[in-house]
């Protein structure tokens, strides 16, 4: 069951939202001050999934409150519902991690529709495993879960260094690891703060790109392929080739699938 906390100095608004959700299997908690909200978040018996916050909390700063509770629970979904209608406040809401910004006065049917979508996303994300025996899988699970929870697409890519002829596996591995270290730095320069890059074995690089849609997949694939090929060519690295593949999540691959295995299988076909 999804746990929702409504933070609003206007108790009528909290009651109104609670009534909208009375037929939905959720648990709704209400607070009206920063102190009360922090105490509720600290309650180990209640794991809040969604916080609906009006950033106009009288003399208290609602944006600062959001930052604080997001630190306490990074997976917390933040929805701002407020009468504060300025570009500055909207941008600030994005910066503190809100996934939705709804203005008062709102239409009840519209608000219920929006909230039901967010609740559905939270429930879907709960079906994705939280852990795996492999550290790299943990990172993938966390990234996919966040994407499902916050309702955005993401791209995941795997870049593999390979050879068409071998002079011995040990020598190849050492060579690949040296290439990989330099290529890592080269690729890292292209990433934003939200993106992640992880070494995958001695000859692979996994790239996770949140908030990139399936429509961007070909463009991004071609960009990284050219970047890697130019890297190999400019350094005159012999008998070394690049194979890469990107997939879109959660659209192209079911979030419960092992996305890394899907990527690896696609790349193997390219290397044959």
C-alpha atoms as a PDB file:
ATOM      1  CA  UNK A   1       0.000   0.000   0.000  1.00  0.00           C
ATOM      2  CA  UNK A   2       1.213   3.498  -0.892  1.00  0.00           C
ATOM      3  CA  UNK A   3       1.761   5.879   2.031  1.00  0.00           C
ATOM      4  CA  UNK A   4       1.025   9.517   1.209  1.00  0.00           C
ATOM      5  CA  UNK A   5       1.829  12.551   3.342  1.00  0.00           C
ATOM      6  CA  UNK A   6       0.049  15.852   2.662  1.00  0.00           C
ATOM      7  CA  UNK A   7       1.880  18.934   3.951  1.00  0.00           C
ATOM      8  CA  UNK A   8      -0.372  22.001   3.902  1.00  0.00           C
ATOM      9  CA  UNK A   9      -1.183  24.750   6.410  1.00  0.00           C
ATOM     10  CA  UNK A  10      -4.740  24.707   5.066  1.00  0.00           C
ATOM     11  CA  UNK A  11      -6.405  21.706   6.685  1.00  0.00           C
ATOM     12  CA  UNK A  12      -9.366  22.068   4.297  1.00  0.00           C
ATOM     13  CA  UNK A  13      -7.070  21.334   1.348  1.00  0.00           C
ATOM     14  CA  UNK A  14      -5.632  18.287   3.104  1.00  0.00           C
ATOM     15  CA  UNK A  15      -9.151  17.005   3.825  1.00  0.00           C
ATOM     16  CA  UNK A  16     -10.220  17.630   0.231  1.00  0.00           C
ATOM     17  CA  UNK A  17      -7.295  15.633  -1.193  1.00  0.00           C
ATOM     18  CA  UNK A  18      -7.879  12.880   1.356  1.00  0.00           C
ATOM     19  CA  UNK A  19     -11.552  12.648   0.247  1.00  0.00           C
ATOM     20  CA  UNK A  20     -10.460  12.379  -3.395  1.00  0.00           C
ATOM     21  CA  UNK A  21      -8.404   9.305  -2.504  1.00  0.00           C
ATOM     22  CA  UNK A  22     -10.816   7.622  -0.089  1.00  0.00           C
ATOM     23  CA  UNK A  23     -11.716   4.910  -2.636  1.00  0.00           C
ATOM     24  CA  UNK A  24      -8.036   4.263  -3.453  1.00  0.00           C
ATOM     25  CA  UNK A  25      -6.029   1.711  -1.388  1.00  0.00           C
ATOM     26  CA  UNK A  26      -3.613   4.246   0.107  1.00  0.00           C
ATOM     27  CA  UNK A  27      -2.770   5.463   3.600  1.00  0.00           C
ATOM     28  CA  UNK A  28      -2.926   9.254   3.898  1.00  0.00           C
ATOM     29  CA  UNK A  29      -1.128  11.235   6.612  1.00  0.00           C
ATOM     30  CA  UNK A  30      -1.435  15.004   7.072  1.00  0.00           C
ATOM     31  CA  UNK A  31       0.917  17.592   8.566  1.00  0.00           C
ATOM     32  CA  UNK A  32       0.932  21.387   8.568  1.00  0.00           C
ATOM     33  CA  UNK A  33       4.386  22.425   9.837  1.00  0.00           C
ATOM     34  CA  UNK A  34       8.027  21.628   9.106  1.00  0.00           C
ATOM     35  CA  UNK A  35       8.558  20.224  12.614  1.00  0.00           C
ATOM     36  CA  UNK A  36       5.522  17.945  12.375  1.00  0.00           C
ATOM     37  CA  UNK A  37       6.572  16.740   8.906  1.00  0.00           C
ATOM     38  CA  UNK A  38      10.144  15.905   9.999  1.00  0.00           C
ATOM     39  CA  UNK A  39       8.804  13.996  13.008  1.00  0.00           C
ATOM     40  CA  UNK A  40       6.455  12.014  10.776  1.00  0.00           C
ATOM     41  CA  UNK A  41       9.293  11.195   8.384  1.00  0.00           C
ATOM     42  CA  UNK A  42      11.386   9.986  11.325  1.00  0.00           C
ATOM     43  CA  UNK A  43       8.695   7.523  12.394  1.00  0.00           C
ATOM     44  CA  UNK A  44      10.197   4.079  11.624  1.00  0.00           C
ATOM     45  CA  UNK A  45       6.733   2.512  11.484  1.00  0.00           C
ATOM     46  CA  UNK A  46       5.651   4.624   8.499  1.00  0.00           C
ATOM     47  CA  UNK A  47       7.511   4.581   5.183  1.00  0.00           C
ATOM     48  CA  UNK A  48       6.208   7.560   3.220  1.00  0.00           C
ATOM     49  CA  UNK A  49       6.168   6.976  -0.553  1.00  0.00           C
ATOM     50  CA  UNK A  50       4.687  10.273  -1.779  1.00  0.00           C
ATOM     51  CA  UNK A  51       4.776  13.741  -0.204  1.00  0.00           C
ATOM     52  CA  UNK A  52       2.248  16.287  -1.470  1.00  0.00           C
ATOM     53  CA  UNK A  53       3.603  19.662  -0.393  1.00  0.00           C
ATOM     54  CA  UNK A  54       2.327  23.224  -0.564  1.00  0.00           C
ATOM     55  CA  UNK A  55       5.537  25.267  -0.525  1.00  0.00           C
ATOM     56  CA  UNK A  56       3.610  28.220   0.976  1.00  0.00           C
ATOM     57  CA  UNK A  57       3.892  27.153   4.625  1.00  0.00           C
ATOM     58  CA  UNK A  58       3.348  30.507   6.286  1.00  0.00           C
ATOM     59  CA  UNK A  59       6.657  31.753   7.671  1.00  0.00           C
ATOM     60  CA  UNK A  60       8.360  28.407   6.933  1.00  0.00           C
ATOM     61  CA  UNK A  61      10.154  27.522   3.685  1.00  0.00           C
ATOM     62  CA  UNK A  62       8.453  24.655   1.848  1.00  0.00           C
ATOM     63  CA  UNK A  63      11.320  24.273  -0.630  1.00  0.00           C
ATOM     64  CA  UNK A  64      13.792  23.859   2.208  1.00  0.00           C
ATOM     65  CA  UNK A  65      11.483  21.275   3.779  1.00  0.00           C
ATOM     66  CA  UNK A  66      11.432  19.293   0.513  1.00  0.00           C
ATOM     67  CA  UNK A  67      15.237  19.301   0.385  1.00  0.00           C
ATOM     68  CA  UNK A  68      15.391  18.034   3.973  1.00  0.00           C
ATOM     69  CA  UNK A  69      12.891  15.202   3.556  1.00  0.00           C
ATOM     70  CA  UNK A  70      14.489  14.164   0.244  1.00  0.00           C
ATOM     71  CA  UNK A  71      17.779  13.808   2.140  1.00  0.00           C
ATOM     72  CA  UNK A  72      15.999  11.615   4.673  1.00  0.00           C
ATOM     73  CA  UNK A  73      14.452   9.480   1.920  1.00  0.00           C
ATOM     74  CA  UNK A  74      15.970   9.934  -1.582  1.00  0.00           C
ATOM     75  CA  UNK A  75      13.252   7.680  -3.060  1.00  0.00           C
ATOM     76  CA  UNK A  76      10.470   9.946  -1.826  1.00  0.00           C
ATOM     77  CA  UNK A  77       8.195  11.170  -4.630  1.00  0.00           C
ATOM     78  CA  UNK A  78       7.495  14.896  -4.280  1.00  0.00           C
ATOM     79  CA  UNK A  79       4.376  16.536  -5.722  1.00  0.00           C
ATOM     80  CA  UNK A  80       3.977  20.278  -5.217  1.00  0.00           C
ATOM     81  CA  UNK A  81       0.395  21.588  -5.081  1.00  0.00           C
ATOM     82  CA  UNK A  82       0.415  25.324  -4.460  1.00  0.00           C
ATOM     83  CA  UNK A  83      -0.952  28.709  -5.412  1.00  0.00           C
ATOM     84  CA  UNK A  84       2.593  30.015  -5.945  1.00  0.00           C
ATOM     85  CA  UNK A  85       2.599  30.618  -9.695  1.00  0.00           C
ATOM     86  CA  UNK A  86       5.958  32.032 -10.754  1.00  0.00           C
ATOM     87  CA  UNK A  87       8.650  30.770 -13.104  1.00  0.00           C
ATOM     88  CA  UNK A  88      11.183  31.045 -10.271  1.00  0.00           C
ATOM     89  CA  UNK A  89       9.135  28.832  -7.933  1.00  0.00           C
ATOM     90  CA  UNK A  90       8.536  26.261 -10.701  1.00  0.00           C
ATOM     91  CA  UNK A  91      12.265  26.040 -11.459  1.00  0.00           C
ATOM     92  CA  UNK A  92      13.025  25.815  -7.750  1.00  0.00           C
ATOM     93  CA  UNK A  93      10.538  22.951  -7.468  1.00  0.00           C
ATOM     94  CA  UNK A  94      12.416  21.050 -10.183  1.00  0.00           C
ATOM     95  CA  UNK A  95      15.736  21.731  -8.453  1.00  0.00           C
ATOM     96  CA  UNK A  96      14.568  20.270  -5.148  1.00  0.00           C
ATOM     97  CA  UNK A  97      13.341  17.141  -6.901  1.00  0.00           C
ATOM     98  CA  UNK A  98       9.589  17.563  -7.408  1.00  0.00           C
ATOM     99  CA  UNK A  99       8.145  15.354 -10.161  1.00  0.00           C
ATOM    100  CA  UNK A 100       4.964  17.400 -10.538  1.00  0.00           C
ATOM    101  CA  UNK A 101       3.901  21.008  -9.934  1.00  0.00           C
ATOM    102  CA  UNK A 102       0.124  21.527  -9.742  1.00  0.00           C
ATOM    103  CA  UNK A 103      -1.423  24.958  -9.275  1.00  0.00           C
ATOM    104  CA  UNK A 104      -4.266  25.891  -6.952  1.00  0.00           C
ATOM    105  CA  UNK A 105      -7.124  26.204  -7.571  1.00  0.00           C
ATOM    106  CA  UNK A 106      -7.265  22.808  -9.235  1.00  0.00           C
ATOM    107  CA  UNK A 107     -10.008  20.691 -10.740  1.00  0.00           C
ATOM    108  CA  UNK A 108     -10.732  17.665  -8.541  1.00  0.00           C
ATOM    109  CA  UNK A 109     -10.979  15.210 -11.449  1.00  0.00           C
ATOM    110  CA  UNK A 110      -7.708  16.465 -12.916  1.00  0.00           C
ATOM    111  CA  UNK A 111      -5.915  16.213  -9.573  1.00  0.00           C
ATOM    112  CA  UNK A 112      -7.250  12.716  -8.912  1.00  0.00           C
ATOM    113  CA  UNK A 113      -6.142  11.604 -12.389  1.00  0.00           C
ATOM    114  CA  UNK A 114      -2.628  12.947 -11.766  1.00  0.00           C
ATOM    115  CA  UNK A 115      -2.374  11.401  -8.308  1.00  0.00           C
ATOM    116  CA  UNK A 116      -3.596   8.005  -9.503  1.00  0.00           C
ATOM    117  CA  UNK A 117      -0.854   7.990 -12.152  1.00  0.00           C
ATOM    118  CA  UNK A 118       1.794   8.754  -9.529  1.00  0.00           C
ATOM    119  CA  UNK A 119       0.421   6.121  -7.147  1.00  0.00           C
ATOM    120  CA  UNK A 120       0.450   3.552  -9.958  1.00  0.00           C
ATOM    121  CA  UNK A 121       4.082   4.407 -10.748  1.00  0.00           C
ATOM    122  CA  UNK A 122       5.063   3.962  -7.090  1.00  0.00           C
ATOM    123  CA  UNK A 123       3.316   0.591  -6.884  1.00  0.00           C
ATOM    124  CA  UNK A 124       4.932  -0.578 -10.136  1.00  0.00           C
ATOM    125  CA  UNK A 125       8.374   0.400  -8.843  1.00  0.00           C
ATOM    126  CA  UNK A 126       7.842  -1.750  -5.739  1.00  0.00           C
ATOM    127  CA  UNK A 127       7.789  -4.880  -7.905  1.00  0.00           C
ATOM    128  CA  UNK A 128      11.368  -4.215  -9.057  1.00  0.00           C
ATOM    129  CA  UNK A 129      13.999  -5.905  -6.840  1.00  0.00           C
ATOM    130  CA  UNK A 130      15.936  -3.656  -4.477  1.00  0.00           C
ATOM    131  CA  UNK A 131      19.093  -5.700  -4.582  1.00  0.00           C
ATOM    132  CA  UNK A 132      21.151  -8.209  -6.501  1.00  0.00           C
ATOM    133  CA  UNK A 133      24.266 -10.244  -5.724  1.00  0.00           C
ATOM    134  CA  UNK A 134      26.162  -8.052  -8.207  1.00  0.00           C
ATOM    135  CA  UNK A 135      26.959  -4.427  -7.459  1.00  0.00           C
ATOM    136  CA  UNK A 136      26.421  -3.375 -11.081  1.00  0.00           C
ATOM    137  CA  UNK A 137      22.941  -4.917 -11.004  1.00  0.00           C
ATOM    138  CA  UNK A 138      22.173  -2.963  -7.841  1.00  0.00           C
ATOM    139  CA  UNK A 139      22.965   0.271  -9.679  1.00  0.00           C
ATOM    140  CA  UNK A 140      20.747  -0.743 -12.604  1.00  0.00           C
ATOM    141  CA  UNK A 141      17.874  -1.803 -10.338  1.00  0.00           C
ATOM    142  CA  UNK A 142      18.064   1.501  -8.461  1.00  0.00           C
ATOM    143  CA  UNK A 143      18.140   3.550 -11.675  1.00  0.00           C
ATOM    144  CA  UNK A 144      15.237   1.659 -13.255  1.00  0.00           C
ATOM    145  CA  UNK A 145      13.202   1.795 -10.057  1.00  0.00           C
ATOM    146  CA  UNK A 146      13.684   5.557  -9.862  1.00  0.00           C
ATOM    147  CA  UNK A 147      12.659   5.952 -13.527  1.00  0.00           C
ATOM    148  CA  UNK A 148       9.472   3.917 -13.012  1.00  0.00           C
ATOM    149  CA  UNK A 149       8.698   5.672  -9.734  1.00  0.00           C
ATOM    150  CA  UNK A 150       9.119   9.171 -11.186  1.00  0.00           C
ATOM    151  CA  UNK A 151       7.575   8.333 -14.557  1.00  0.00           C
ATOM    152  CA  UNK A 152      10.366   9.009 -17.019  1.00  0.00           C
ATOM    153  CA  UNK A 153      12.243   7.036 -19.657  1.00  0.00           C
ATOM    154  CA  UNK A 154      15.943   6.284 -19.528  1.00  0.00           C
ATOM    155  CA  UNK A 155      18.562   4.843 -21.857  1.00  0.00           C
ATOM    156  CA  UNK A 156      21.137   2.263 -20.870  1.00  0.00           C
ATOM    157  CA  UNK A 157      24.131   1.514 -23.038  1.00  0.00           C
ATOM    158  CA  UNK A 158      26.956  -1.016 -23.019  1.00  0.00           C
ATOM    159  CA  UNK A 159      30.260  -0.337 -24.792  1.00  0.00           C
ATOM    160  CA  UNK A 160      32.555  -3.308 -25.368  1.00  0.00           C
ATOM    161  CA  UNK A 161      36.189  -3.315 -26.501  1.00  0.00           C
ATOM    162  CA  UNK A 162      37.014  -6.442 -28.487  1.00  0.00           C
ATOM    163  CA  UNK A 163      39.581  -7.969 -30.841  1.00  0.00           C
ATOM    164  CA  UNK A 164      39.330 -10.067 -33.984  1.00  0.00           C
ATOM    165  CA  UNK A 165      42.569 -11.897 -33.275  1.00  0.00           C
ATOM    166  CA  UNK A 166      44.166 -12.761 -29.951  1.00  0.00           C
ATOM    167  CA  UNK A 167      47.791 -13.010 -28.812  1.00  0.00           C
ATOM    168  CA  UNK A 168      46.855 -14.503 -25.458  1.00  0.00           C
ATOM    169  CA  UNK A 169      44.028 -13.651 -23.109  1.00  0.00           C
ATOM    170  CA  UNK A 170      46.240 -12.240 -20.345  1.00  0.00           C
ATOM    171  CA  UNK A 171      47.945  -9.740 -22.630  1.00  0.00           C
ATOM    172  CA  UNK A 172      44.642  -8.728 -24.169  1.00  0.00           C
ATOM    173  CA  UNK A 173      43.080  -8.128 -20.758  1.00  0.00           C
ATOM    174  CA  UNK A 174      45.931  -5.912 -19.606  1.00  0.00           C
ATOM    175  CA  UNK A 175      45.788  -3.952 -22.851  1.00  0.00           C
ATOM    176  CA  UNK A 176      42.014  -3.560 -22.626  1.00  0.00           C
ATOM    177  CA  UNK A 177      42.164  -2.372 -19.027  1.00  0.00           C
ATOM    178  CA  UNK A 178      44.665   0.327 -19.994  1.00  0.00           C
ATOM    179  CA  UNK A 179      42.475   1.432 -22.901  1.00  0.00           C
ATOM    180  CA  UNK A 180      39.410   1.358 -20.671  1.00  0.00           C
ATOM    181  CA  UNK A 181      40.929   3.707 -18.087  1.00  0.00           C
ATOM    182  CA  UNK A 182      41.620   6.359 -20.728  1.00  0.00           C
ATOM    183  CA  UNK A 183      38.306   5.849 -22.497  1.00  0.00           C
ATOM    184  CA  UNK A 184      36.478   6.221 -19.170  1.00  0.00           C
ATOM    185  CA  UNK A 185      37.811   9.737 -18.743  1.00  0.00           C
ATOM    186  CA  UNK A 186      36.932  10.520 -22.350  1.00  0.00           C
ATOM    187  CA  UNK A 187      33.305   9.397 -21.915  1.00  0.00           C
ATOM    188  CA  UNK A 188      32.912  10.944 -18.461  1.00  0.00           C
ATOM    189  CA  UNK A 189      33.301  14.394 -20.033  1.00  0.00           C
ATOM    190  CA  UNK A 190      30.068  13.820 -21.983  1.00  0.00           C
ATOM    191  CA  UNK A 191      27.916  12.927 -18.959  1.00  0.00           C
ATOM    192  CA  UNK A 192      25.617  15.113 -16.892  1.00  0.00           C
ATOM    193  CA  UNK A 193      25.365  15.045 -13.104  1.00  0.00           C
ATOM    194  CA  UNK A 194      22.466  12.542 -13.219  1.00  0.00           C
ATOM    195  CA  UNK A 195      24.208  10.127 -15.596  1.00  0.00           C
ATOM    196  CA  UNK A 196      26.188   7.130 -14.383  1.00  0.00           C
ATOM    197  CA  UNK A 197      29.107   5.198 -15.818  1.00  0.00           C
ATOM    198  CA  UNK A 198      30.309   1.849 -14.487  1.00  0.00           C
ATOM    199  CA  UNK A 199      33.126  -0.452 -15.578  1.00  0.00           C
ATOM    200  CA  UNK A 200      31.752  -3.804 -16.664  1.00  0.00           C
ATOM    201  CA  UNK A 201      34.514  -6.465 -16.462  1.00  0.00           C
ATOM    202  CA  UNK A 202      37.893  -5.627 -17.993  1.00  0.00           C
ATOM    203  CA  UNK A 203      36.632  -4.508 -21.381  1.00  0.00           C
ATOM    204  CA  UNK A 204      33.209  -2.928 -20.939  1.00  0.00           C
ATOM    205  CA  UNK A 205      31.608   0.341 -19.914  1.00  0.00           C
ATOM    206  CA  UNK A 206      27.969   0.608 -18.809  1.00  0.00           C
ATOM    207  CA  UNK A 207      26.293   4.003 -19.257  1.00  0.00           C
ATOM    208  CA  UNK A 208      22.985   4.917 -17.605  1.00  0.00           C
ATOM    209  CA  UNK A 209      21.285   8.032 -18.995  1.00  0.00           C
ATOM    210  CA  UNK A 210      18.139   9.054 -17.069  1.00  0.00           C
ATOM    211  CA  UNK A 211      15.426  11.164 -18.716  1.00  0.00           C
ATOM    212  CA  UNK A 212      16.441  10.244 -22.287  1.00  0.00           C
ATOM    213  CA  UNK A 213      13.609   8.985 -24.477  1.00  0.00           C
ATOM    214  CA  UNK A 214      13.542   6.128 -26.956  1.00  0.00           C
ATOM    215  CA  UNK A 215      13.434   8.707 -29.763  1.00  0.00           C
ATOM    216  CA  UNK A 216      16.964   9.779 -28.805  1.00  0.00           C
ATOM    217  CA  UNK A 217      18.384   6.250 -28.839  1.00  0.00           C
ATOM    218  CA  UNK A 218      19.756   6.243 -32.405  1.00  0.00           C
ATOM    219  CA  UNK A 219      21.224   9.730 -32.055  1.00  0.00           C
ATOM    220  CA  UNK A 220      22.950   8.867 -28.787  1.00  0.00           C
ATOM    221  CA  UNK A 221      24.159   5.483 -30.089  1.00  0.00           C
ATOM    222  CA  UNK A 222      25.713   7.094 -33.154  1.00  0.00           C
ATOM    223  CA  UNK A 223      27.291   9.823 -31.032  1.00  0.00           C
ATOM    224  CA  UNK A 224      29.040   7.370 -28.697  1.00  0.00           C
ATOM    225  CA  UNK A 225      30.041   5.056 -31.542  1.00  0.00           C
ATOM    226  CA  UNK A 226      31.757   7.942 -33.368  1.00  0.00           C
ATOM    227  CA  UNK A 227      33.346   9.137 -30.140  1.00  0.00           C
ATOM    228  CA  UNK A 228      34.792   5.682 -29.381  1.00  0.00           C
ATOM    229  CA  UNK A 229      35.931   5.035 -32.942  1.00  0.00           C
ATOM    230  CA  UNK A 230      37.673   8.402 -33.052  1.00  0.00           C
ATOM    231  CA  UNK A 231      39.295   7.580 -29.708  1.00  0.00           C
ATOM    232  CA  UNK A 232      40.709   4.314 -31.129  1.00  0.00           C
ATOM    233  CA  UNK A 233      41.750   5.901 -34.416  1.00  0.00           C
ATOM    234  CA  UNK A 234      43.421   9.008 -32.946  1.00  0.00           C
ATOM    235  CA  UNK A 235      45.548   6.878 -30.618  1.00  0.00           C
ATOM    236  CA  UNK A 236      46.388   4.393 -33.370  1.00  0.00           C
ATOM    237  CA  UNK A 237      45.348   1.426 -31.232  1.00  0.00           C
ATOM    238  CA  UNK A 238      45.708  -1.671 -33.387  1.00  0.00           C
ATOM    239  CA  UNK A 239      43.320  -4.616 -33.625  1.00  0.00           C
ATOM    240  CA  UNK A 240      40.846  -3.046 -31.239  1.00  0.00           C
ATOM    241  CA  UNK A 241      37.205  -2.564 -32.105  1.00  0.00           C
ATOM    242  CA  UNK A 242      34.151  -1.087 -30.455  1.00  0.00           C
ATOM    243  CA  UNK A 243      30.689  -2.625 -30.227  1.00  0.00           C
ATOM    244  CA  UNK A 244      27.906  -0.812 -28.435  1.00  0.00           C
ATOM    245  CA  UNK A 245      24.179  -0.990 -27.940  1.00  0.00           C
ATOM    246  CA  UNK A 246      21.585   1.148 -26.160  1.00  0.00           C
ATOM    247  CA  UNK A 247      18.157   0.085 -24.917  1.00  0.00           C
ATOM    248  CA  UNK A 248      15.242   2.139 -23.625  1.00  0.00           C
ATOM    249  CA  UNK A 249      13.783   1.464 -20.199  1.00  0.00           C
ATOM    250  CA  UNK A 250      11.161   0.780 -19.064  1.00  0.00           C
ATOM    251  CA  UNK A 251       9.543   0.824 -22.544  1.00  0.00           C
ATOM    252  CA  UNK A 252      11.809  -1.528 -24.488  1.00  0.00           C
ATOM    253  CA  UNK A 253      12.675  -3.891 -21.647  1.00  0.00           C
ATOM    254  CA  UNK A 254      10.425  -5.002 -18.809  1.00  0.00           C
ATOM    255  CA  UNK A 255      11.812  -3.451 -15.583  1.00  0.00           C
ATOM    256  CA  UNK A 256      11.864  -6.891 -13.955  1.00  0.00           C
ATOM    257  CA  UNK A 257      14.124  -8.303 -16.667  1.00  0.00           C
ATOM    258  CA  UNK A 258      17.898  -8.301 -16.409  1.00  0.00           C
ATOM    259  CA  UNK A 259      18.558  -5.345 -18.696  1.00  0.00           C
ATOM    260  CA  UNK A 260      22.303  -5.962 -18.702  1.00  0.00           C
ATOM    261  CA  UNK A 261      21.796  -9.475 -20.084  1.00  0.00           C
ATOM    262  CA  UNK A 262      19.539  -8.084 -22.814  1.00  0.00           C
ATOM    263  CA  UNK A 263      22.247  -5.579 -23.745  1.00  0.00           C
ATOM    264  CA  UNK A 264      24.988  -8.204 -23.714  1.00  0.00           C
ATOM    265  CA  UNK A 265      22.996 -10.487 -26.033  1.00  0.00           C
ATOM    266  CA  UNK A 266      22.420  -7.663 -28.503  1.00  0.00           C
ATOM    267  CA  UNK A 267      26.128  -6.793 -28.534  1.00  0.00           C
ATOM    268  CA  UNK A 268      27.201 -10.423 -28.986  1.00  0.00           C
ATOM    269  CA  UNK A 269      25.248 -10.515 -32.241  1.00  0.00           C
ATOM    270  CA  UNK A 270      27.143  -7.462 -33.475  1.00  0.00           C
ATOM    271  CA  UNK A 271      30.496  -9.017 -32.635  1.00  0.00           C
ATOM    272  CA  UNK A 272      29.851 -12.271 -34.516  1.00  0.00           C
END
